[in-house]
Amino acid sequence: MNDDILYMVKIYSTYDTDWLGDKFNDLSELTRHHIVKKEHGGQDSIKNYALLTRKSHSFIHYLEVNYNKEYNYLNSKFIELNNSLTSPSINYYEDVCKVVKRVRKKIKNNRRKREGKNV
């Protein structure tokens, strides 16, 4: 486990839920998502990381390619959380989960349309 992850878990008290609201059982499931990519000048620093499970990390990069507006919004929420140096609040998770749920619904509907099913 990366020391940055352990340090961030302690700062943000994220012992069972990542920053996209995904539940996990073991800290080894967590990864560091670069909020600002290194190729765009992002640093290897906890101020530029979001704690995500592997599943959430894959999802956020899917959004980057396919739902850029939502990707940017979620990254802005990560930045706000980093700047607060506090645990994610109920309001934070409500905002983030609302976006995630809306995008997952869009993905499901688009998949159904491609398969020729009624939405």
PDB file of N, CA and C in Angstrom:
ATOM      1  N   MET A   1       0.853  -1.184   0.000  1.00  0.00           N
ATOM      2  CA  MET A   1       0.000   0.000   0.000  1.00  0.00           C
ATOM      3  C   MET A   1       0.887   1.231   0.000  1.00  0.00           C
ATOM      4  N   ASN A   2       0.516   2.183  -0.797  1.00  0.00           N
ATOM      5  CA  ASN A   2       1.256   3.431  -0.928  1.00  0.00           C
ATOM      6  C   ASN A   2       1.091   4.289   0.326  1.00  0.00           C
ATOM      7  N   ASP A   3       2.179   4.898   0.788  1.00  0.00           N
ATOM      8  CA  ASP A   3       2.138   5.744   1.985  1.00  0.00           C
ATOM      9  C   ASP A   3       1.204   6.939   1.814  1.00  0.00           C
ATOM     10  N   ASP A   4       1.143   7.493   0.588  1.00  0.00           N
ATOM     11  CA  ASP A   4       0.226   8.613   0.331  1.00  0.00           C
ATOM     12  C   ASP A   4      -1.225   8.209   0.586  1.00  0.00           C
ATOM     13  N   ILE A   5      -1.570   7.007   0.174  1.00  0.00           N
ATOM     14  CA  ILE A   5      -2.943   6.529   0.370  1.00  0.00           C
ATOM     15  C   ILE A   5      -3.242   6.412   1.861  1.00  0.00           C
ATOM     16  N   LEU A   6      -2.338   5.799   2.610  1.00  0.00           N
ATOM     17  CA  LEU A   6      -2.550   5.655   4.055  1.00  0.00           C
ATOM     18  C   LEU A   6      -2.690   7.011   4.735  1.00  0.00           C
ATOM     19  N   TYR A   7      -1.853   7.951   4.352  1.00  0.00           N
ATOM     20  CA  TYR A   7      -1.908   9.301   4.916  1.00  0.00           C
ATOM     21  C   TYR A   7      -3.246   9.963   4.593  1.00  0.00           C
ATOM     22  N   MET A   8      -3.694   9.826   3.344  1.00  0.00           N
ATOM     23  CA  MET A   8      -4.968  10.432   2.946  1.00  0.00           C
ATOM     24  C   MET A   8      -6.160   9.777   3.645  1.00  0.00           C
ATOM     25  N   VAL A   9      -6.097   8.467   3.820  1.00  0.00           N
ATOM     26  CA  VAL A   9      -7.175   7.764   4.537  1.00  0.00           C
ATOM     27  C   VAL A   9      -7.317   8.347   5.936  1.00  0.00           C
ATOM     28  N   LYS A  10      -6.195   8.622   6.585  1.00  0.00           N
ATOM     29  CA  LYS A  10      -6.236   9.197   7.937  1.00  0.00           C
ATOM     30  C   LYS A  10      -6.774  10.629   7.918  1.00  0.00           C
ATOM     31  N   ILE A  11      -6.321  11.436   6.976  1.00  0.00           N
ATOM     32  CA  ILE A  11      -6.779  12.831   6.896  1.00  0.00           C
ATOM     33  C   ILE A  11      -8.278  12.900   6.640  1.00  0.00           C
ATOM     34  N   TYR A  12      -8.746  12.111   5.668  1.00  0.00           N
ATOM     35  CA  TYR A  12     -10.131  12.227   5.200  1.00  0.00           C
ATOM     36  C   TYR A  12     -11.068  11.182   5.819  1.00  0.00           C
ATOM     37  N   SER A  13     -10.525  10.329   6.679  1.00  0.00           N
ATOM     38  CA  SER A  13     -11.323   9.289   7.356  1.00  0.00           C
ATOM     39  C   SER A  13     -12.149   8.469   6.367  1.00  0.00           C
ATOM     40  N   THR A  14     -11.516   8.090   5.289  1.00  0.00           N
ATOM     41  CA  THR A  14     -12.202   7.279   4.278  1.00  0.00           C
ATOM     42  C   THR A  14     -11.799   5.821   4.458  1.00  0.00           C
ATOM     43  N   TYR A  15     -12.389   5.179   5.459  1.00  0.00           N
ATOM     44  CA  TYR A  15     -12.019   3.813   5.810  1.00  0.00           C
ATOM     45  C   TYR A  15     -12.895   2.760   5.147  1.00  0.00           C
ATOM     46  N   ASP A  16     -14.023   3.158   4.555  1.00  0.00           N
ATOM     47  CA  ASP A  16     -14.893   2.159   3.937  1.00  0.00           C
ATOM     48  C   ASP A  16     -15.611   2.650   2.681  1.00  0.00           C
ATOM     49  N   THR A  17     -15.428   3.912   2.318  1.00  0.00           N
ATOM     50  CA  THR A  17     -16.101   4.480   1.148  1.00  0.00           C
ATOM     51  C   THR A  17     -15.122   5.389   0.412  1.00  0.00           C
ATOM     52  N   ASP A  18     -14.987   5.176  -0.902  1.00  0.00           N
ATOM     53  CA  ASP A  18     -14.079   6.037  -1.658  1.00  0.00           C
ATOM     54  C   ASP A  18     -14.756   7.363  -1.991  1.00  0.00           C
ATOM     55  N   TRP A  19     -14.091   8.219  -2.750  1.00  0.00           N
ATOM     56  CA  TRP A  19     -14.580   9.580  -2.988  1.00  0.00           C
ATOM     57  C   TRP A  19     -15.692   9.652  -4.026  1.00  0.00           C
ATOM     58  N   LEU A  20     -16.028   8.498  -4.636  1.00  0.00           N
ATOM     59  CA  LEU A  20     -17.199   8.446  -5.515  1.00  0.00           C
ATOM     60  C   LEU A  20     -18.356   7.709  -4.847  1.00  0.00           C
ATOM     61  N   GLY A  21     -18.173   7.357  -3.598  1.00  0.00           N
ATOM     62  CA  GLY A  21     -19.239   6.689  -2.851  1.00  0.00           C
ATOM     63  C   GLY A  21     -19.216   5.180  -2.956  1.00  0.00           C
ATOM     64  N   ASP A  22     -18.184   4.612  -3.558  1.00  0.00           N
ATOM     65  CA  ASP A  22     -18.062   3.166  -3.705  1.00  0.00           C
ATOM     66  C   ASP A  22     -17.548   2.573  -2.391  1.00  0.00           C
ATOM     67  N   LYS A  23     -18.255   1.583  -1.882  1.00  0.00           N
ATOM     68  CA  LYS A  23     -17.856   0.913  -0.639  1.00  0.00           C
ATOM     69  C   LYS A  23     -16.720  -0.074  -0.912  1.00  0.00           C
ATOM     70  N   PHE A  24     -15.848  -0.239   0.065  1.00  0.00           N
ATOM     71  CA  PHE A  24     -14.778  -1.220  -0.043  1.00  0.00           C
ATOM     72  C   PHE A  24     -14.535  -1.841   1.325  1.00  0.00           C
ATOM     73  N   ASN A  25     -13.880  -2.998   1.325  1.00  0.00           N
ATOM     74  CA  ASN A  25     -13.623  -3.743   2.556  1.00  0.00           C
ATOM     75  C   ASN A  25     -12.177  -3.670   3.017  1.00  0.00           C
ATOM     76  N   ASP A  26     -11.279  -3.400   2.089  1.00  0.00           N
ATOM     77  CA  ASP A  26      -9.853  -3.450   2.399  1.00  0.00           C
ATOM     78  C   ASP A  26      -9.176  -2.230   1.783  1.00  0.00           C
ATOM     79  N   LEU A  27      -8.332  -1.580   2.555  1.00  0.00           N
ATOM     80  CA  LEU A  27      -7.635  -0.382   2.063  1.00  0.00           C
ATOM     81  C   LEU A  27      -6.799  -0.666   0.822  1.00  0.00           C
ATOM     82  N   SER A  28      -6.421  -1.925   0.611  1.00  0.00           N
ATOM     83  CA  SER A  28      -5.626  -2.262  -0.568  1.00  0.00           C
ATOM     84  C   SER A  28      -6.422  -2.075  -1.858  1.00  0.00           C
ATOM     85  N   GLU A  29      -7.741  -1.900  -1.748  1.00  0.00           N
ATOM     86  CA  GLU A  29      -8.570  -1.655  -2.927  1.00  0.00           C
ATOM     87  C   GLU A  29      -8.460  -0.218  -3.428  1.00  0.00           C
ATOM     88  N   LEU A  30      -7.851   0.668  -2.631  1.00  0.00           N
ATOM     89  CA  LEU A  30      -7.788   2.085  -2.997  1.00  0.00           C
ATOM     90  C   LEU A  30      -6.624   2.402  -3.929  1.00  0.00           C
ATOM     91  N   THR A  31      -6.875   3.347  -4.818  1.00  0.00           N
ATOM     92  CA  THR A  31      -5.864   3.867  -5.731  1.00  0.00           C
ATOM     93  C   THR A  31      -5.845   5.386  -5.620  1.00  0.00           C
ATOM     94  N   ARG A  32      -4.804   5.989  -6.195  1.00  0.00           N
ATOM     95  CA  ARG A  32      -4.699   7.445  -6.262  1.00  0.00           C
ATOM     96  C   ARG A  32      -5.052   7.881  -7.675  1.00  0.00           C
ATOM     97  N   HIS A  33      -6.085   8.671  -7.784  1.00  0.00           N
ATOM     98  CA  HIS A  33      -6.458   9.265  -9.078  1.00  0.00           C
ATOM     99  C   HIS A  33      -5.839  10.655  -9.146  1.00  0.00           C
ATOM    100  N   HIS A  34      -5.074  10.916 -10.191  1.00  0.00           N
ATOM    101  CA  HIS A  34      -4.540  12.262 -10.403  1.00  0.00           C
ATOM    102  C   HIS A  34      -5.679  13.152 -10.894  1.00  0.00           C
ATOM    103  N   ILE A  35      -6.030  14.149 -10.124  1.00  0.00           N
ATOM    104  CA  ILE A  35      -7.102  15.062 -10.498  1.00  0.00           C
ATOM    105  C   ILE A  35      -6.674  15.864 -11.732  1.00  0.00           C
ATOM    106  N   VAL A  36      -5.495  16.437 -11.672  1.00  0.00           N
ATOM    107  CA  VAL A  36      -4.890  17.064 -12.850  1.00  0.00           C
ATOM    108  C   VAL A  36      -3.822  16.097 -13.329  1.00  0.00           C
ATOM    109  N   LYS A  37      -3.989  15.614 -14.552  1.00  0.00           N
ATOM    110  CA  LYS A  37      -3.054  14.627 -15.080  1.00  0.00           C
ATOM    111  C   LYS A  37      -1.632  15.177 -15.115  1.00  0.00           C
ATOM    112  N   LYS A  38      -0.685  14.271 -14.945  1.00  0.00           N
ATOM    113  CA  LYS A  38       0.720  14.666 -14.955  1.00  0.00           C
ATOM    114  C   LYS A  38       1.089  15.354 -16.270  1.00  0.00           C
ATOM    115  N   GLU A  39       0.547  14.868 -17.383  1.00  0.00           N
ATOM    116  CA  GLU A  39       0.880  15.475 -18.674  1.00  0.00           C
ATOM    117  C   GLU A  39       0.283  16.870 -18.845  1.00  0.00           C
ATOM    118  N   HIS A  40      -0.626  17.243 -17.939  1.00  0.00           N
ATOM    119  CA  HIS A  40      -1.195  18.596 -17.941  1.00  0.00           C
ATOM    120  C   HIS A  40      -0.651  19.437 -16.787  1.00  0.00           C
ATOM    121  N   GLY A  41       0.478  18.992 -16.224  1.00  0.00           N
ATOM    122  CA  GLY A  41       1.127  19.748 -15.160  1.00  0.00           C
ATOM    123  C   GLY A  41       0.749  19.322 -13.751  1.00  0.00           C
ATOM    124  N   GLY A  42      -0.041  18.257 -13.614  1.00  0.00           N
ATOM    125  CA  GLY A  42      -0.423  17.768 -12.291  1.00  0.00           C
ATOM    126  C   GLY A  42       0.755  17.166 -11.549  1.00  0.00           C
ATOM    127  N   GLN A  43       0.780  17.386 -10.277  1.00  0.00           N
ATOM    128  CA  GLN A  43       1.877  16.925  -9.429  1.00  0.00           C
ATOM    129  C   GLN A  43       1.560  15.579  -8.774  1.00  0.00           C
ATOM    130  N   ASP A  44       2.603  14.869  -8.372  1.00  0.00           N
ATOM    131  CA  ASP A  44       2.452  13.692  -7.514  1.00  0.00           C
ATOM    132  C   ASP A  44       2.394  14.212  -6.088  1.00  0.00           C
ATOM    133  N   SER A  45       1.188  14.550  -5.649  1.00  0.00           N
ATOM    134  CA  SER A  45       0.987  15.179  -4.350  1.00  0.00           C
ATOM    135  C   SER A  45      -0.417  14.848  -3.866  1.00  0.00           C
ATOM    136  N   ILE A  46      -0.577  14.724  -2.551  1.00  0.00           N
ATOM    137  CA  ILE A  46      -1.911  14.417  -2.027  1.00  0.00           C
ATOM    138  C   ILE A  46      -2.920  15.497  -2.382  1.00  0.00           C
ATOM    139  N   LYS A  47      -2.478  16.712  -2.640  1.00  0.00           N
ATOM    140  CA  LYS A  47      -3.397  17.786  -3.051  1.00  0.00           C
ATOM    141  C   LYS A  47      -3.934  17.552  -4.460  1.00  0.00           C
ATOM    142  N   ASN A  48      -3.319  16.618  -5.186  1.00  0.00           N
ATOM    143  CA  ASN A  48      -3.744  16.316  -6.553  1.00  0.00           C
ATOM    144  C   ASN A  48      -4.283  14.894  -6.685  1.00  0.00           C
ATOM    145  N   TYR A  49      -4.559  14.249  -5.562  1.00  0.00           N
ATOM    146  CA  TYR A  49      -5.063  12.879  -5.591  1.00  0.00           C
ATOM    147  C   TYR A  49      -6.497  12.812  -5.076  1.00  0.00           C
ATOM    148  N   ALA A  50      -7.227  11.857  -5.630  1.00  0.00           N
ATOM    149  CA  ALA A  50      -8.524  11.459  -5.087  1.00  0.00           C
ATOM    150  C   ALA A  50      -8.415   9.971  -4.757  1.00  0.00           C
ATOM    151  N   LEU A  51      -9.000   9.571  -3.639  1.00  0.00           N
ATOM    152  CA  LEU A  51      -8.973   8.166  -3.237  1.00  0.00           C
ATOM    153  C   LEU A  51     -10.144   7.425  -3.879  1.00  0.00           C
ATOM    154  N   LEU A  52      -9.816   6.513  -4.784  1.00  0.00           N
ATOM    155  CA  LEU A  52     -10.830   5.756  -5.504  1.00  0.00           C
ATOM    156  C   LEU A  52     -10.507   4.274  -5.487  1.00  0.00           C
ATOM    157  N   THR A  53     -11.548   3.443  -5.449  1.00  0.00           N
ATOM    158  CA  THR A  53     -11.338   2.013  -5.642  1.00  0.00           C
ATOM    159  C   THR A  53     -10.928   1.802  -7.098  1.00  0.00           C
ATOM    160  N   ARG A  54     -10.427   0.631  -7.398  1.00  0.00           N
ATOM    161  CA  ARG A  54     -10.061   0.343  -8.793  1.00  0.00           C
ATOM    162  C   ARG A  54     -11.274   0.493  -9.709  1.00  0.00           C
ATOM    163  N   LYS A  55     -12.415   0.027  -9.240  1.00  0.00           N
ATOM    164  CA  LYS A  55     -13.650   0.131 -10.023  1.00  0.00           C
ATOM    165  C   LYS A  55     -14.002   1.602 -10.286  1.00  0.00           C
ATOM    166  N   SER A  56     -13.958   2.431  -9.253  1.00  0.00           N
ATOM    167  CA  SER A  56     -14.258   3.854  -9.415  1.00  0.00           C
ATOM    168  C   SER A  56     -13.222   4.543 -10.287  1.00  0.00           C
ATOM    169  N   HIS A  57     -11.968   4.129 -10.151  1.00  0.00           N
ATOM    170  CA  HIS A  57     -10.898   4.727 -10.938  1.00  0.00           C
ATOM    171  C   HIS A  57     -11.127   4.450 -12.428  1.00  0.00           C
ATOM    172  N   SER A  58     -11.506   3.229 -12.762  1.00  0.00           N
ATOM    173  CA  SER A  58     -11.828   2.901 -14.157  1.00  0.00           C
ATOM    174  C   SER A  58     -13.022   3.719 -14.635  1.00  0.00           C
ATOM    175  N   PHE A  59     -14.018   3.851 -13.771  1.00  0.00           N
ATOM    176  CA  PHE A  59     -15.224   4.602 -14.119  1.00  0.00           C
ATOM    177  C   PHE A  59     -14.900   6.072 -14.386  1.00  0.00           C
ATOM    178  N   ILE A  60     -14.087   6.698 -13.533  1.00  0.00           N
ATOM    179  CA  ILE A  60     -13.785   8.120 -13.706  1.00  0.00           C
ATOM    180  C   ILE A  60     -13.034   8.344 -15.022  1.00  0.00           C
ATOM    181  N   HIS A  61     -12.173   7.402 -15.412  1.00  0.00           N
ATOM    182  CA  HIS A  61     -11.474   7.548 -16.694  1.00  0.00           C
ATOM    183  C   HIS A  61     -12.393   7.267 -17.883  1.00  0.00           C
ATOM    184  N   TYR A  62     -13.389   6.432 -17.691  1.00  0.00           N
ATOM    185  CA  TYR A  62     -14.424   6.253 -18.716  1.00  0.00           C
ATOM    186  C   TYR A  62     -15.167   7.573 -18.909  1.00  0.00           C
ATOM    187  N   LEU A  63     -15.483   8.240 -17.808  1.00  0.00           N
ATOM    188  CA  LEU A  63     -16.164   9.532 -17.894  1.00  0.00           C
ATOM    189  C   LEU A  63     -15.299  10.562 -18.604  1.00  0.00           C
ATOM    190  N   GLU A  64     -14.008  10.523 -18.353  1.00  0.00           N
ATOM    191  CA  GLU A  64     -13.093  11.470 -18.984  1.00  0.00           C
ATOM    192  C   GLU A  64     -13.237  11.432 -20.508  1.00  0.00           C
ATOM    193  N   VAL A  65     -13.395  10.248 -21.059  1.00  0.00           N
ATOM    194  CA  VAL A  65     -13.482  10.065 -22.501  1.00  0.00           C
ATOM    195  C   VAL A  65     -14.903  10.295 -23.017  1.00  0.00           C
ATOM    196  N   ASN A  66     -15.897   9.853 -22.254  1.00  0.00           N
ATOM    197  CA  ASN A  66     -17.265   9.817 -22.769  1.00  0.00           C
ATOM    198  C   ASN A  66     -18.223  10.846 -22.172  1.00  0.00           C
ATOM    199  N   TYR A  67     -17.928  11.345 -20.996  1.00  0.00           N
ATOM    200  CA  TYR A  67     -18.801  12.298 -20.301  1.00  0.00           C
ATOM    201  C   TYR A  67     -17.925  13.353 -19.633  1.00  0.00           C
ATOM    202  N   ASN A  68     -17.270  14.159 -20.470  1.00  0.00           N
ATOM    203  CA  ASN A  68     -16.259  15.086 -19.977  1.00  0.00           C
ATOM    204  C   ASN A  68     -16.803  16.118 -19.004  1.00  0.00           C
ATOM    205  N   LYS A  69     -18.028  16.586 -19.229  1.00  0.00           N
ATOM    206  CA  LYS A  69     -18.628  17.579 -18.319  1.00  0.00           C
ATOM    207  C   LYS A  69     -18.734  17.002 -16.903  1.00  0.00           C
ATOM    208  N   GLU A  70     -19.226  15.778 -16.795  1.00  0.00           N
ATOM    209  CA  GLU A  70     -19.379  15.133 -15.500  1.00  0.00           C
ATOM    210  C   GLU A  70     -18.016  14.806 -14.883  1.00  0.00           C
ATOM    211  N   TYR A  71     -17.071  14.406 -15.726  1.00  0.00           N
ATOM    212  CA  TYR A  71     -15.706  14.137 -15.269  1.00  0.00           C
ATOM    213  C   TYR A  71     -15.110  15.395 -14.629  1.00  0.00           C
ATOM    214  N   ASN A  72     -15.245  16.516 -15.315  1.00  0.00           N
ATOM    215  CA  ASN A  72     -14.713  17.774 -14.791  1.00  0.00           C
ATOM    216  C   ASN A  72     -15.418  18.191 -13.505  1.00  0.00           C
ATOM    217  N   TYR A  73     -16.726  17.982 -13.444  1.00  0.00           N
ATOM    218  CA  TYR A  73     -17.471  18.331 -12.228  1.00  0.00           C
ATOM    219  C   TYR A  73     -16.971  17.496 -11.043  1.00  0.00           C
ATOM    220  N   LEU A  74     -16.835  16.192 -11.247  1.00  0.00           N
ATOM    221  CA  LEU A  74     -16.385  15.321 -10.159  1.00  0.00           C
ATOM    222  C   LEU A  74     -14.966  15.680  -9.731  1.00  0.00           C
ATOM    223  N   ASN A  75     -14.099  15.990 -10.681  1.00  0.00           N
ATOM    224  CA  ASN A  75     -12.754  16.419 -10.309  1.00  0.00           C
ATOM    225  C   ASN A  75     -12.789  17.720  -9.513  1.00  0.00           C
ATOM    226  N   SER A  76     -13.717  18.615  -9.844  1.00  0.00           N
ATOM    227  CA  SER A  76     -13.834  19.860  -9.059  1.00  0.00           C
ATOM    228  C   SER A  76     -14.279  19.548  -7.633  1.00  0.00           C
ATOM    229  N   LYS A  77     -15.126  18.543  -7.463  1.00  0.00           N
ATOM    230  CA  LYS A  77     -15.540  18.118  -6.115  1.00  0.00           C
ATOM    231  C   LYS A  77     -14.345  17.519  -5.356  1.00  0.00           C
ATOM    232  N   PHE A  78     -13.504  16.768  -6.064  1.00  0.00           N
ATOM    233  CA  PHE A  78     -12.303  16.210  -5.440  1.00  0.00           C
ATOM    234  C   PHE A  78     -11.386  17.336  -4.963  1.00  0.00           C
ATOM    235  N   ILE A  79     -11.237  18.362  -5.784  1.00  0.00           N
ATOM    236  CA  ILE A  79     -10.386  19.500  -5.409  1.00  0.00           C
ATOM    237  C   ILE A  79     -10.947  20.193  -4.173  1.00  0.00           C
ATOM    238  N   GLU A  80     -12.263  20.408  -4.153  1.00  0.00           N
ATOM    239  CA  GLU A  80     -12.892  21.027  -2.975  1.00  0.00           C
ATOM    240  C   GLU A  80     -12.626  20.197  -1.724  1.00  0.00           C
ATOM    241  N   LEU A  81     -12.765  18.884  -1.852  1.00  0.00           N
ATOM    242  CA  LEU A  81     -12.535  18.011  -0.708  1.00  0.00           C
ATOM    243  C   LEU A  81     -11.080  18.091  -0.256  1.00  0.00           C
ATOM    244  N   ASN A  82     -10.159  18.060  -1.204  1.00  0.00           N
ATOM    245  CA  ASN A  82      -8.743  18.186  -0.858  1.00  0.00           C
ATOM    246  C   ASN A  82      -8.464  19.496  -0.138  1.00  0.00           C
ATOM    247  N   ASN A  83      -9.041  20.567  -0.615  1.00  0.00           N
ATOM    248  CA  ASN A  83      -8.806  21.875   0.004  1.00  0.00           C
ATOM    249  C   ASN A  83      -9.395  21.970   1.411  1.00  0.00           C
ATOM    250  N   SER A  84     -10.433  21.195   1.678  1.00  0.00           N
ATOM    251  CA  SER A  84     -11.082  21.238   2.991  1.00  0.00           C
ATOM    252  C   SER A  84     -10.277  20.498   4.066  1.00  0.00           C
ATOM    253  N   LEU A  85      -9.510  19.505   3.646  1.00  0.00           N
ATOM    254  CA  LEU A  85      -8.762  18.637   4.574  1.00  0.00           C
ATOM    255  C   LEU A  85      -9.674  18.026   5.644  1.00  0.00           C
ATOM    256  N   THR A  86     -10.927  17.753   5.268  1.00  0.00           N
ATOM    257  CA  THR A  86     -11.883  17.118   6.172  1.00  0.00           C
ATOM    258  C   THR A  86     -12.514  15.903   5.493  1.00  0.00           C
ATOM    259  N   SER A  87     -13.184  15.115   6.270  1.00  0.00           N
ATOM    260  CA  SER A  87     -13.886  13.944   5.743  1.00  0.00           C
ATOM    261  C   SER A  87     -14.983  14.365   4.776  1.00  0.00           C
ATOM    262  N   PRO A  88     -15.252  13.529   3.772  1.00  0.00           N
ATOM    263  CA  PRO A  88     -16.375  13.828   2.886  1.00  0.00           C
ATOM    264  C   PRO A  88     -17.672  13.901   3.698  1.00  0.00           C
ATOM    265  N   SER A  89     -18.442  14.953   3.480  1.00  0.00           N
ATOM    266  CA  SER A  89     -19.692  15.139   4.217  1.00  0.00           C
ATOM    267  C   SER A  89     -20.834  14.399   3.524  1.00  0.00           C
ATOM    268  N   ILE A  90     -21.944  14.328   4.196  1.00  0.00           N
ATOM    269  CA  ILE A  90     -23.148  13.744   3.595  1.00  0.00           C
ATOM    270  C   ILE A  90     -23.518  14.522   2.340  1.00  0.00           C
ATOM    271  N   ASN A  91     -23.444  15.856   2.398  1.00  0.00           N
ATOM    272  CA  ASN A  91     -23.758  16.677   1.220  1.00  0.00           C
ATOM    273  C   ASN A  91     -22.801  16.391   0.068  1.00  0.00           C
ATOM    274  N   TYR A  92     -21.528  16.213   0.384  1.00  0.00           N
ATOM    275  CA  TYR A  92     -20.543  15.881  -0.646  1.00  0.00           C
ATOM    276  C   TYR A  92     -20.966  14.588  -1.343  1.00  0.00           C
ATOM    277  N   TYR A  93     -21.229  13.539  -0.553  1.00  0.00           N
ATOM    278  CA  TYR A  93     -21.599  12.257  -1.148  1.00  0.00           C
ATOM    279  C   TYR A  93     -22.931  12.340  -1.903  1.00  0.00           C
ATOM    280  N   GLU A  94     -23.870  13.125  -1.414  1.00  0.00           N
ATOM    281  CA  GLU A  94     -25.133  13.296  -2.134  1.00  0.00           C
ATOM    282  C   GLU A  94     -24.890  13.906  -3.507  1.00  0.00           C
ATOM    283  N   ASP A  95     -24.068  14.960  -3.570  1.00  0.00           N
ATOM    284  CA  ASP A  95     -23.758  15.613  -4.846  1.00  0.00           C
ATOM    285  C   ASP A  95     -23.055  14.654  -5.806  1.00  0.00           C
ATOM    286  N   VAL A  96     -22.025  13.995  -5.312  1.00  0.00           N
ATOM    287  CA  VAL A  96     -21.232  13.099  -6.148  1.00  0.00           C
ATOM    288  C   VAL A  96     -22.072  11.911  -6.611  1.00  0.00           C
ATOM    289  N   CYS A  97     -22.801  11.310  -5.699  1.00  0.00           N
ATOM    290  CA  CYS A  97     -23.592  10.125  -6.043  1.00  0.00           C
ATOM    291  C   CYS A  97     -24.731  10.462  -7.014  1.00  0.00           C
ATOM    292  N   LYS A  98     -25.249  11.663  -6.924  1.00  0.00           N
ATOM    293  CA  LYS A  98     -26.285  12.105  -7.860  1.00  0.00           C
ATOM    294  C   LYS A  98     -25.736  12.124  -9.289  1.00  0.00           C
ATOM    295  N   VAL A  99     -24.540  12.641  -9.448  1.00  0.00           N
ATOM    296  CA  VAL A  99     -23.906  12.695 -10.767  1.00  0.00           C
ATOM    297  C   VAL A  99     -23.590  11.284 -11.257  1.00  0.00           C
ATOM    298  N   VAL A 100     -23.012  10.474 -10.392  1.00  0.00           N
ATOM    299  CA  VAL A 100     -22.666   9.101 -10.769  1.00  0.00           C
ATOM    300  C   VAL A 100     -23.918   8.334 -11.182  1.00  0.00           C
ATOM    301  N   LYS A 101     -24.972   8.465 -10.412  1.00  0.00           N
ATOM    302  CA  LYS A 101     -26.220   7.761 -10.714  1.00  0.00           C
ATOM    303  C   LYS A 101     -26.794   8.227 -12.057  1.00  0.00           C
ATOM    304  N   ARG A 102     -26.773   9.526 -12.294  1.00  0.00           N
ATOM    305  CA  ARG A 102     -27.308  10.082 -13.546  1.00  0.00           C
ATOM    306  C   ARG A 102     -26.506   9.565 -14.748  1.00  0.00           C
ATOM    307  N   VAL A 103     -25.189   9.529 -14.629  1.00  0.00           N
ATOM    308  CA  VAL A 103     -24.354   9.056 -15.729  1.00  0.00           C
ATOM    309  C   VAL A 103     -24.572   7.568 -15.961  1.00  0.00           C
ATOM    310  N   ARG A 104     -24.652   6.801 -14.899  1.00  0.00           N
ATOM    311  CA  ARG A 104     -24.882   5.353 -15.060  1.00  0.00           C
ATOM    312  C   ARG A 104     -26.215   5.084 -15.741  1.00  0.00           C
ATOM    313  N   LYS A 105     -27.208   5.909 -15.447  1.00  0.00           N
ATOM    314  CA  LYS A 105     -28.504   5.772 -16.108  1.00  0.00           C
ATOM    315  C   LYS A 105     -28.375   6.085 -17.606  1.00  0.00           C
ATOM    316  N   LYS A 106     -27.621   7.151 -17.930  1.00  0.00           N
ATOM    317  CA  LYS A 106     -27.394   7.495 -19.339  1.00  0.00           C
ATOM    318  C   LYS A 106     -26.683   6.348 -20.057  1.00  0.00           C
ATOM    319  N   ILE A 107     -25.682   5.777 -19.416  1.00  0.00           N
ATOM    320  CA  ILE A 107     -24.927   4.671 -20.011  1.00  0.00           C
ATOM    321  C   ILE A 107     -25.852   3.493 -20.278  1.00  0.00           C
ATOM    322  N   LYS A 108     -26.678   3.177 -19.310  1.00  0.00           N
ATOM    323  CA  LYS A 108     -27.617   2.061 -19.447  1.00  0.00           C
ATOM    324  C   LYS A 108     -28.601   2.326 -20.578  1.00  0.00           C
ATOM    325  N   ASN A 109     -29.146   3.543 -20.637  1.00  0.00           N
ATOM    326  CA  ASN A 109     -30.097   3.876 -21.701  1.00  0.00           C
ATOM    327  C   ASN A 109     -29.433   3.838 -23.073  1.00  0.00           C
ATOM    328  N   ASN A 110     -28.218   4.344 -23.173  1.00  0.00           N
ATOM    329  CA  ASN A 110     -27.493   4.303 -24.446  1.00  0.00           C
ATOM    330  C   ASN A 110     -27.215   2.870 -24.881  1.00  0.00           C
ATOM    331  N   ARG A 111     -26.878   2.022 -23.929  1.00  0.00           N
ATOM    332  CA  ARG A 111     -26.643   0.608 -24.220  1.00  0.00           C
ATOM    333  C   ARG A 111     -27.929  -0.036 -24.737  1.00  0.00           C
ATOM    334  N   ARG A 112     -29.038   0.261 -24.109  1.00  0.00           N
ATOM    335  CA  ARG A 112     -30.330  -0.292 -24.544  1.00  0.00           C
ATOM    336  C   ARG A 112     -30.679   0.179 -25.955  1.00  0.00           C
ATOM    337  N   LYS A 113     -30.424   1.462 -26.233  1.00  0.00           N
ATOM    338  CA  LYS A 113     -30.697   1.993 -27.571  1.00  0.00           C
ATOM    339  C   LYS A 113     -29.874   1.259 -28.621  1.00  0.00           C
ATOM    340  N   ARG A 114     -28.596   1.030 -28.325  1.00  0.00           N
ATOM    341  CA  ARG A 114     -27.727   0.315 -29.259  1.00  0.00           C
ATOM    342  C   ARG A 114     -28.215  -1.104 -29.486  1.00  0.00           C
ATOM    343  N   GLU A 115     -28.788  -1.713 -28.454  1.00  0.00           N
ATOM    344  CA  GLU A 115     -29.277  -3.089 -28.560  1.00  0.00           C
ATOM    345  C   GLU A 115     -30.690  -3.137 -29.142  1.00  0.00           C
ATOM    346  N   GLY A 116     -31.280  -1.969 -29.437  1.00  0.00           N
ATOM    347  CA  GLY A 116     -32.595  -1.907 -30.035  1.00  0.00           C
ATOM    348  C   GLY A 116     -33.742  -2.130 -29.070  1.00  0.00           C
ATOM    349  N   LYS A 117     -33.481  -1.948 -27.790  1.00  0.00           N
ATOM    350  CA  LYS A 117     -34.534  -2.120 -26.794  1.00  0.00           C
ATOM    351  C   LYS A 117     -35.172  -0.771 -26.514  1.00  0.00           C
ATOM    352  N   ASN A 118     -36.445  -0.783 -26.123  1.00  0.00           N
ATOM    353  CA  ASN A 118     -37.123   0.446 -25.749  1.00  0.00           C
ATOM    354  C   ASN A 118     -36.558   0.981 -24.440  1.00  0.00           C
ATOM    355  N   VAL A 119     -36.435   2.282 -24.368  1.00  0.00           N
ATOM    356  CA  VAL A 119     -35.880   2.913 -23.162  1.00  0.00           C
ATOM    357  C   VAL A 119     -36.993   3.362 -22.258  1.00  0.00           C
TER     358      VAL A 119
END
